[in-house]
PDB file of N, CA and C in Angstrom:
ATOM      1  N   MET A   1      72.916  44.028  47.228  1.00  0.00           N
ATOM      2  CA  MET A   1      74.340  43.944  46.423  1.00  0.00           C
ATOM      3  C   MET A   1      74.706  42.687  47.241  1.00  0.00           C
ATOM      4  N   GLU A   2      75.542  42.211  45.978  1.00  0.00           N
ATOM      5  CA  GLU A   2      76.031  40.852  46.364  1.00  0.00           C
ATOM      6  C   GLU A   2      77.287  41.198  47.190  1.00  0.00           C
ATOM      7  N   ASN A   3      77.514  39.705  47.955  1.00  0.00           N
ATOM      8  CA  ASN A   3      78.676  39.448  48.681  1.00  0.00           C
ATOM      9  C   ASN A   3      80.186  39.706  48.067  1.00  0.00           C
ATOM     10  N   LEU A   4      80.693  40.830  48.374  1.00  0.00           N
ATOM     11  CA  LEU A   4      81.894  41.514  47.401  1.00  0.00           C
ATOM     12  C   LEU A   4      83.129  41.380  48.421  1.00  0.00           C
ATOM     13  N   ASP A   5      84.046  40.904  48.141  1.00  0.00           N
ATOM     14  CA  ASP A   5      85.415  40.600  48.665  1.00  0.00           C
ATOM     15  C   ASP A   5      85.724  42.421  49.341  1.00  0.00           C
ATOM     16  N   THR A   6      86.634  42.041  50.643  1.00  0.00           N
ATOM     17  CA  THR A   6      87.495  43.252  51.122  1.00  0.00           C
ATOM     18  C   THR A   6      87.947  43.920  49.842  1.00  0.00           C
ATOM     19  N   ALA A   7      89.210  42.996  48.971  1.00  0.00           N
ATOM     20  CA  ALA A   7      90.184  43.536  48.020  1.00  0.00           C
ATOM     21  C   ALA A   7      89.177  44.541  46.990  1.00  0.00           C
ATOM     22  N   THR A   8      88.062  43.971  46.805  1.00  0.00           N
ATOM     23  CA  THR A   8      87.476  44.688  45.758  1.00  0.00           C
ATOM     24  C   THR A   8      86.743  46.288  46.250  1.00  0.00           C
ATOM     25  N   ILE A   9      86.323  46.141  47.670  1.00  0.00           N
ATOM     26  CA  ILE A   9      85.703  47.391  47.768  1.00  0.00           C
ATOM     27  C   ILE A   9      86.960  48.062  48.265  1.00  0.00           C
ATOM     28  N   VAL A  10      87.834  48.229  48.420  1.00  0.00           N
ATOM     29  CA  VAL A  10      88.742  48.681  48.781  1.00  0.00           C
ATOM     30  C   VAL A  10      89.661  49.323  47.606  1.00  0.00           C
ATOM     31  N   GLY A  11      89.830  48.260  46.488  1.00  0.00           N
ATOM     32  CA  GLY A  11      90.386  48.575  45.517  1.00  0.00           C
ATOM     33  C   GLY A  11      89.617  49.531  44.303  1.00  0.00           C
ATOM     34  N   SER A  12      88.320  49.353  44.411  1.00  0.00           N
ATOM     35  CA  SER A  12      87.289  50.078  44.098  1.00  0.00           C
ATOM     36  C   SER A  12      87.228  51.922  44.352  1.00  0.00           C
ATOM     37  N   THR A  13      87.371  51.807  45.685  1.00  0.00           N
ATOM     38  CA  THR A  13      87.269  52.919  46.312  1.00  0.00           C
ATOM     39  C   THR A  13      88.566  53.926  46.197  1.00  0.00           C
ATOM     40  N   ILE A  14      89.669  53.301  46.201  1.00  0.00           N
ATOM     41  CA  ILE A  14      90.988  53.434  45.908  1.00  0.00           C
ATOM     42  C   ILE A  14      90.741  54.517  44.244  1.00  0.00           C
ATOM     43  N   ALA A  15      90.409  53.557  43.347  1.00  0.00           N
ATOM     44  CA  ALA A  15      90.553  53.819  42.057  1.00  0.00           C
ATOM     45  C   ALA A  15      89.513  54.760  41.902  1.00  0.00           C
ATOM     46  N   PHE A  16      87.887  55.101  42.551  1.00  0.00           N
ATOM     47  CA  PHE A  16      87.449  56.010  42.298  1.00  0.00           C
ATOM     48  C   PHE A  16      87.984  57.424  42.905  1.00  0.00           C
ATOM     49  N   SER A  17      89.031  57.191  44.138  1.00  0.00           N
ATOM     50  CA  SER A  17      89.299  58.641  44.727  1.00  0.00           C
ATOM     51  C   SER A  17      90.192  59.108  43.777  1.00  0.00           C
ATOM     52  N   LEU A  18      91.147  58.256  43.283  1.00  0.00           N
ATOM     53  CA  LEU A  18      92.513  58.679  42.380  1.00  0.00           C
ATOM     54  C   LEU A  18      91.479  59.800  40.939  1.00  0.00           C
ATOM     55  N   ILE A  19      90.722  58.839  40.437  1.00  0.00           N
ATOM     56  CA  ILE A  19      89.572  59.465  39.098  1.00  0.00           C
ATOM     57  C   ILE A  19      88.937  60.904  39.721  1.00  0.00           C
ATOM     58  N   ALA A  20      88.466  61.042  40.685  1.00  0.00           N
ATOM     59  CA  ALA A  20      87.903  62.153  41.333  1.00  0.00           C
ATOM     60  C   ALA A  20      88.914  63.415  41.786  1.00  0.00           C
ATOM     61  N   PHE A  21      90.439  62.703  41.699  1.00  0.00           N
ATOM     62  CA  PHE A  21      91.108  63.645  42.657  1.00  0.00           C
ATOM     63  C   PHE A  21      91.960  64.263  41.247  1.00  0.00           C
ATOM     64  N   THR A  22      91.989  63.435  40.333  1.00  0.00           N
ATOM     65  CA  THR A  22      92.252  63.980  38.696  1.00  0.00           C
ATOM     66  C   THR A  22      91.732  64.979  38.253  1.00  0.00           C
ATOM     67  N   GLY A  23      90.030  64.299  38.276  1.00  0.00           N
ATOM     68  CA  GLY A  23      89.265  65.179  37.838  1.00  0.00           C
ATOM     69  C   GLY A  23      89.315  66.873  38.009  1.00  0.00           C
ATOM     70  N   TYR A  24      89.232  66.444  39.300  1.00  0.00           N
ATOM     71  CA  TYR A  24      89.099  67.991  40.018  1.00  0.00           C
ATOM     72  C   TYR A  24      90.736  68.781  39.922  1.00  0.00           C
ATOM     73  N   ALA A  25      91.738  68.157  39.755  1.00  0.00           N
ATOM     74  CA  ALA A  25      93.147  68.631  39.306  1.00  0.00           C
ATOM     75  C   ALA A  25      92.933  69.579  38.196  1.00  0.00           C
ATOM     76  N   ILE A  26      92.412  68.693  37.092  1.00  0.00           N
ATOM     77  CA  ILE A  26      92.433  69.115  35.852  1.00  0.00           C
ATOM     78  C   ILE A  26      91.372  70.311  35.362  1.00  0.00           C
ATOM     79  N   TYR A  27      89.940  70.022  36.500  1.00  0.00           N
ATOM     80  CA  TYR A  27      89.251  71.290  36.295  1.00  0.00           C
ATOM     81  C   TYR A  27      90.077  72.482  37.008  1.00  0.00           C
ATOM     82  N   THR A  28      90.427  72.452  37.997  1.00  0.00           N
ATOM     83  CA  THR A  28      91.310  73.618  38.901  1.00  0.00           C
ATOM     84  C   THR A  28      92.421  74.100  37.851  1.00  0.00           C
ATOM     85  N   ALA A  29      93.132  73.582  37.385  1.00  0.00           N
ATOM     86  CA  ALA A  29      94.086  73.893  36.195  1.00  0.00           C
ATOM     87  C   ALA A  29      93.438  74.598  34.815  1.00  0.00           C
ATOM     88  N   PHE A  30      93.021  74.055  34.306  1.00  0.00           N
ATOM     89  CA  PHE A  30      92.098  74.311  33.047  1.00  0.00           C
ATOM     90  C   PHE A  30      90.457  74.806  32.986  1.00  0.00           C
ATOM     91  N   GLY A  31      89.910  74.856  34.161  1.00  0.00           N
ATOM     92  CA  GLY A  31      88.471  75.354  34.257  1.00  0.00           C
ATOM     93  C   GLY A  31      88.669  76.995  34.819  1.00  0.00           C
ATOM     94  N   ALA A  32      87.278  77.028  35.354  1.00  0.00           N
ATOM     95  CA  ALA A  32      87.127  78.449  35.931  1.00  0.00           C
ATOM     96  C   ALA A  32      88.069  78.850  36.633  1.00  0.00           C
ATOM     97  N   PRO A  33      88.355  78.086  37.798  1.00  0.00           N
ATOM     98  CA  PRO A  33      89.235  78.805  38.698  1.00  0.00           C
ATOM     99  C   PRO A  33      90.741  79.215  38.169  1.00  0.00           C
ATOM    100  N   SER A  34      90.992  78.450  37.007  1.00  0.00           N
ATOM    101  CA  SER A  34      92.486  78.864  36.654  1.00  0.00           C
ATOM    102  C   SER A  34      92.534  80.333  36.051  1.00  0.00           C
ATOM    103  N   ALA A  35      91.664  81.202  35.709  1.00  0.00           N
ATOM    104  CA  ALA A  35      91.830  82.837  35.727  1.00  0.00           C
ATOM    105  C   ALA A  35      92.698  83.353  37.174  1.00  0.00           C
ATOM    106  N   GLU A  36      92.612  82.324  38.110  1.00  0.00           N
ATOM    107  CA  GLU A  36      92.894  83.376  39.611  1.00  0.00           C
ATOM    108  C   GLU A  36      94.113  82.814  39.981  1.00  0.00           C
ATOM    109  N   LEU A  37      94.945  81.905  39.366  1.00  0.00           N
ATOM    110  CA  LEU A  37      96.122  81.343  38.782  1.00  0.00           C
ATOM    111  C   LEU A  37      97.134  82.166  38.538  1.00  0.00           C
ATOM    112  N   GLY A  38      98.135  82.282  39.312  1.00  0.00           N
ATOM    113  CA  GLY A  38      99.523  83.359  38.924  1.00  0.00           C
ATOM    114  C   GLY A  38     100.378  82.506  38.055  1.00  0.00           C
ATOM    115  N   ASP A  39     101.125  82.986  37.399  1.00  0.00           N
ATOM    116  CA  ASP A  39     102.363  82.583  36.401  1.00  0.00           C
ATOM    117  C   ASP A  39     103.465  82.893  37.331  1.00  0.00           C
ATOM    118  N   PRO A  40     104.399  82.245  38.126  1.00  0.00           N
ATOM    119  CA  PRO A  40     105.173  82.611  38.446  1.00  0.00           C
ATOM    120  C   PRO A  40     106.617  83.073  37.821  1.00  0.00           C
ATOM    121  N   PHE A  41     106.494  82.587  36.258  1.00  0.00           N
ATOM    122  CA  PHE A  41     107.773  83.110  35.504  1.00  0.00           C
ATOM    123  C   PHE A  41     107.258  84.441  35.239  1.00  0.00           C
ATOM    124  N   GLU A  42     105.704  84.710  34.865  1.00  0.00           N
ATOM    125  CA  GLU A  42     105.453  86.121  34.350  1.00  0.00           C
ATOM    126  C   GLU A  42     105.747  87.427  35.622  1.00  0.00           C
ATOM    127  N   ASP A  43     105.692  86.728  36.275  1.00  0.00           N
ATOM    128  CA  ASP A  43     105.690  87.754  37.591  1.00  0.00           C
ATOM    129  C   ASP A  43     107.110  88.061  37.721  1.00  0.00           C
ATOM    130  N   HIS A  44     108.183  87.218  37.351  1.00  0.00           N
ATOM    131  CA  HIS A  44     109.828  87.435  37.860  1.00  0.00           C
ATOM    132  C   HIS A  44     110.338  87.737  36.358  1.00  0.00           C
ATOM    133  N   GLU A  45     109.702  88.344  35.308  1.00  0.00           N
ATOM    134  CA  GLU A  45     110.135  88.462  34.139  1.00  0.00           C
ATOM    135  C   GLU A  45     111.805  89.438  33.984  1.00  0.00           C
ATOM    136  N   ASP A  46     112.639  89.595  33.345  1.00  0.00           N
ATOM    137  CA  ASP A  46     113.408  90.435  33.436  1.00  0.00           C
ATOM    138  C   ASP A  46     113.538  91.439  32.390  1.00  0.00           C
TER     139      ASP A  46
END
């Protein structure tokens, strides 16, 4: 690996972390684990 600036490494790490967290959030919301999520509006219907 060539000599990278500290700012490039920090920026890449932050960008990767945000992309990974967003992917996990989308998977949790719409993927297989979403079947276990409850809908608070359906729980309190009148």
